Protein backbone atom coordinates (compact mmCIF):
# COMPACT_ATOMS: atom_id res chain seq x y z
CA UNK A 1 -7.76 2.74 -10.62
CA UNK A 2 -10.97 1.14 -11.79
CA UNK A 3 -11.59 -2.63 -11.51
CA UNK A 4 -14.24 -4.78 -13.17
CA UNK A 5 -15.89 -7.73 -11.62
CA UNK A 6 -13.93 -10.05 -13.93
CA UNK A 7 -10.70 -8.35 -13.61
CA UNK A 8 -7.89 -9.92 -11.39
CA UNK A 9 -5.68 -7.85 -9.20
CA UNK A 10 -2.36 -9.10 -7.98
CA UNK A 11 -1.09 -7.90 -4.59
CA UNK A 12 2.38 -8.61 -3.57
CA UNK A 13 3.18 -8.73 0.21
CA UNK A 14 6.63 -8.85 1.66
CA UNK A 15 6.83 -9.81 5.17
CA UNK A 16 10.03 -9.46 7.19
CA UNK A 17 9.99 -11.96 9.98
CA UNK A 18 13.20 -10.63 11.49
CA UNK A 19 13.04 -6.85 11.00
CA UNK A 20 15.87 -4.61 11.98
CA UNK A 21 15.14 -2.37 14.93
CA UNK A 22 14.78 1.56 15.16
CA UNK A 23 11.67 1.77 12.90
CA UNK A 24 8.16 3.18 13.36
CA UNK A 25 5.02 2.01 11.56
CA UNK A 26 1.67 3.75 10.73
CA UNK A 27 -1.68 2.35 9.84
CA UNK A 28 -3.33 3.45 6.65
CA UNK A 29 -6.95 3.07 5.77
CA UNK A 30 -7.67 2.27 2.09
CA UNK A 31 -10.84 2.19 0.27
CA UNK A 32 -10.05 0.19 -2.85
CA UNK A 33 -10.51 -2.57 -4.22
CA UNK A 34 -12.59 -2.71 -0.99
CA UNK A 35 -12.19 -0.94 2.40
CA UNK A 36 -9.28 -2.04 4.55
CA UNK A 37 -6.29 -1.05 6.60
CA UNK A 38 -2.65 -1.65 6.09
CA UNK A 39 0.29 -1.21 8.55
CA UNK A 40 3.47 0.01 6.95
CA UNK A 41 6.77 1.44 7.81
CA UNK A 42 6.86 5.20 7.99
CA UNK A 43 8.40 7.02 4.96
CA UNK A 44 11.67 7.54 6.54
CA UNK A 45 11.98 3.85 7.28
CA UNK A 46 10.93 3.07 3.79
CA UNK A 47 13.62 5.30 2.49
CA UNK A 48 16.10 3.70 4.64
CA UNK A 49 15.14 0.16 3.03
CA UNK A 50 15.44 1.74 -0.51
CA UNK A 51 18.93 3.20 0.37
CA UNK A 52 19.87 -0.31 1.81
CA UNK A 53 18.83 -1.86 -1.47
CA UNK A 54 20.86 0.70 -3.51
CA UNK A 55 24.07 0.24 -1.59
CA UNK A 56 23.77 -3.57 -0.55
CA UNK A 57 22.31 -5.46 -3.56
CA UNK A 58 24.70 -7.86 -4.71
CA UNK A 59 23.58 -8.54 -8.27
CA UNK A 60 26.92 -8.30 -9.90
CA UNK A 61 26.44 -5.96 -12.90
CA UNK A 62 22.73 -6.04 -12.83
CA UNK A 63 21.39 -2.63 -12.02
CA UNK A 64 17.93 -2.04 -10.88
CA UNK A 65 16.85 1.32 -12.42
CA UNK A 66 13.69 1.28 -10.24
CA UNK A 67 15.78 1.60 -7.16
CA UNK A 68 17.27 4.88 -8.48
CA UNK A 69 13.90 6.20 -9.74
CA UNK A 70 12.48 5.62 -6.29
CA UNK A 71 15.52 7.26 -4.64
CA UNK A 72 14.65 10.49 -6.64
CA UNK A 73 11.00 10.18 -5.62
CA UNK A 74 11.92 10.13 -1.88
CA UNK A 75 14.60 13.10 -2.49
CA UNK A 76 12.09 15.11 -4.44
CA UNK A 77 9.48 14.99 -1.56
CA UNK A 78 12.19 15.94 1.00
CA UNK A 79 11.67 12.75 3.02
CA UNK A 80 14.47 12.16 5.34
CA UNK A 81 16.35 8.89 5.87
CA UNK A 82 16.03 7.09 9.29
CA UNK A 83 19.83 6.59 9.82
CA UNK A 84 19.37 4.42 12.89
CA UNK A 85 17.05 2.02 10.90
CA UNK A 86 19.40 2.00 7.80
CA UNK A 87 22.37 1.25 10.30
CA UNK A 88 20.51 -1.53 11.61
CA UNK A 89 19.75 -3.11 8.22
CA UNK A 90 23.33 -2.77 7.02
CA UNK A 91 24.52 -4.50 10.36
CA UNK A 92 21.97 -7.17 9.97
CA UNK A 93 23.08 -7.85 6.22
CA UNK A 94 26.68 -7.52 7.30
CA UNK A 95 27.31 -4.58 5.00
CA UNK A 96 28.42 -2.42 7.78
CA UNK A 97 30.61 -3.61 10.67
CA UNK A 98 28.72 -3.89 13.95
CA UNK A 99 30.97 -1.19 15.72
CA UNK A 100 30.47 1.34 12.81
CA UNK A 101 27.82 4.06 12.94
CA UNK A 102 26.29 6.15 10.06
CA UNK A 103 26.07 9.77 9.80
CA UNK A 104 24.88 12.02 7.02
CA UNK A 105 28.35 12.55 5.58
CA UNK A 106 29.37 8.92 5.53
CA UNK A 107 26.03 7.95 3.98
CA UNK A 108 26.46 10.63 1.23
CA UNK A 109 29.86 9.46 0.60
CA UNK A 110 28.61 5.79 0.23
CA UNK A 111 25.96 6.76 -2.21
CA UNK A 112 28.45 8.89 -4.17
CA UNK A 113 30.86 5.91 -4.45
CA UNK A 114 27.86 3.70 -5.80
CA UNK A 115 26.86 6.41 -8.22
CA UNK A 116 30.55 6.72 -9.52
CA UNK A 117 30.33 2.98 -10.38
CA UNK A 118 26.86 3.01 -11.92
CA UNK A 119 26.10 2.35 -15.60
CA UNK A 120 23.46 4.91 -16.29
CA UNK A 121 22.50 3.47 -19.69
CA UNK A 122 21.61 0.20 -18.01
CA UNK A 123 19.60 1.79 -15.26
CA UNK A 124 17.62 3.75 -17.88
CA UNK A 125 16.93 0.72 -19.92
CA UNK A 126 15.76 -1.10 -16.85
CA UNK A 127 13.27 1.58 -15.83
CA UNK A 128 11.91 2.67 -19.19
CA UNK A 129 9.26 0.09 -19.41
CA UNK A 130 7.67 1.37 -16.35
CA UNK A 131 7.42 4.89 -17.50
CA UNK A 132 4.62 6.69 -19.42
CA UNK A 133 7.00 9.46 -20.30
CA UNK A 134 10.49 8.37 -20.93
CA UNK A 135 11.73 12.04 -20.89
CA UNK A 136 11.42 11.97 -17.22
CA UNK A 137 14.89 10.25 -17.05
CA UNK A 138 16.70 12.23 -19.78
CA UNK A 139 18.49 14.18 -17.04
CA UNK A 140 19.90 10.95 -15.52
CA UNK A 141 23.59 11.20 -15.32
CA UNK A 142 26.46 10.87 -12.87
CA UNK A 143 26.60 14.51 -12.20
CA UNK A 144 22.88 14.80 -11.74
CA UNK A 145 22.74 12.03 -9.12
CA UNK A 146 25.90 13.25 -7.39
CA UNK A 147 24.24 16.79 -7.10
CA UNK A 148 20.84 15.79 -5.83
CA UNK A 149 22.33 13.21 -3.36
CA UNK A 150 23.79 16.29 -1.60
CA UNK A 151 20.18 17.44 -0.79
CA UNK A 152 19.62 14.19 1.18
CA UNK A 153 18.10 14.82 4.60
CA UNK A 154 18.48 12.52 7.52
CA UNK A 155 16.93 11.70 10.93
CA UNK A 156 19.69 10.62 13.23
CA UNK A 157 17.77 10.20 16.52
CA UNK A 158 14.64 8.33 15.45
CA UNK A 159 12.72 6.18 17.76
């Protein structure tokens, strides 16, 4: 990414003032646009946040294809989901009863339920403007997502 002196860059910060527990962070040094460091959730915790968005967004029939694209990104890199952090997020948003615990099987079952209700044509249309190569999502189908979800890895005892 190259920037020019006259070019504007927008940076979006999301700050959670009441983050759910059972997460870890890491500090990453970056060099562009000028040297700085940023503290972020670890990838398993970010994946937990993404799955929370997939399962718990309440936008009616509106589908965010980017969430499903990101879901595949995490799966393709074999990044595990921090189940404890996801559980805390779901308790906080009241999408999971406080006395209920997640495990890999129940999580996969929940994702499968969501996939079975998903309109893939809408999801594709939502993500298409963000892609350089639209063929990357030709494979998107109910059967494809159900199959790849079975490869989901989890961390059950994380911090």
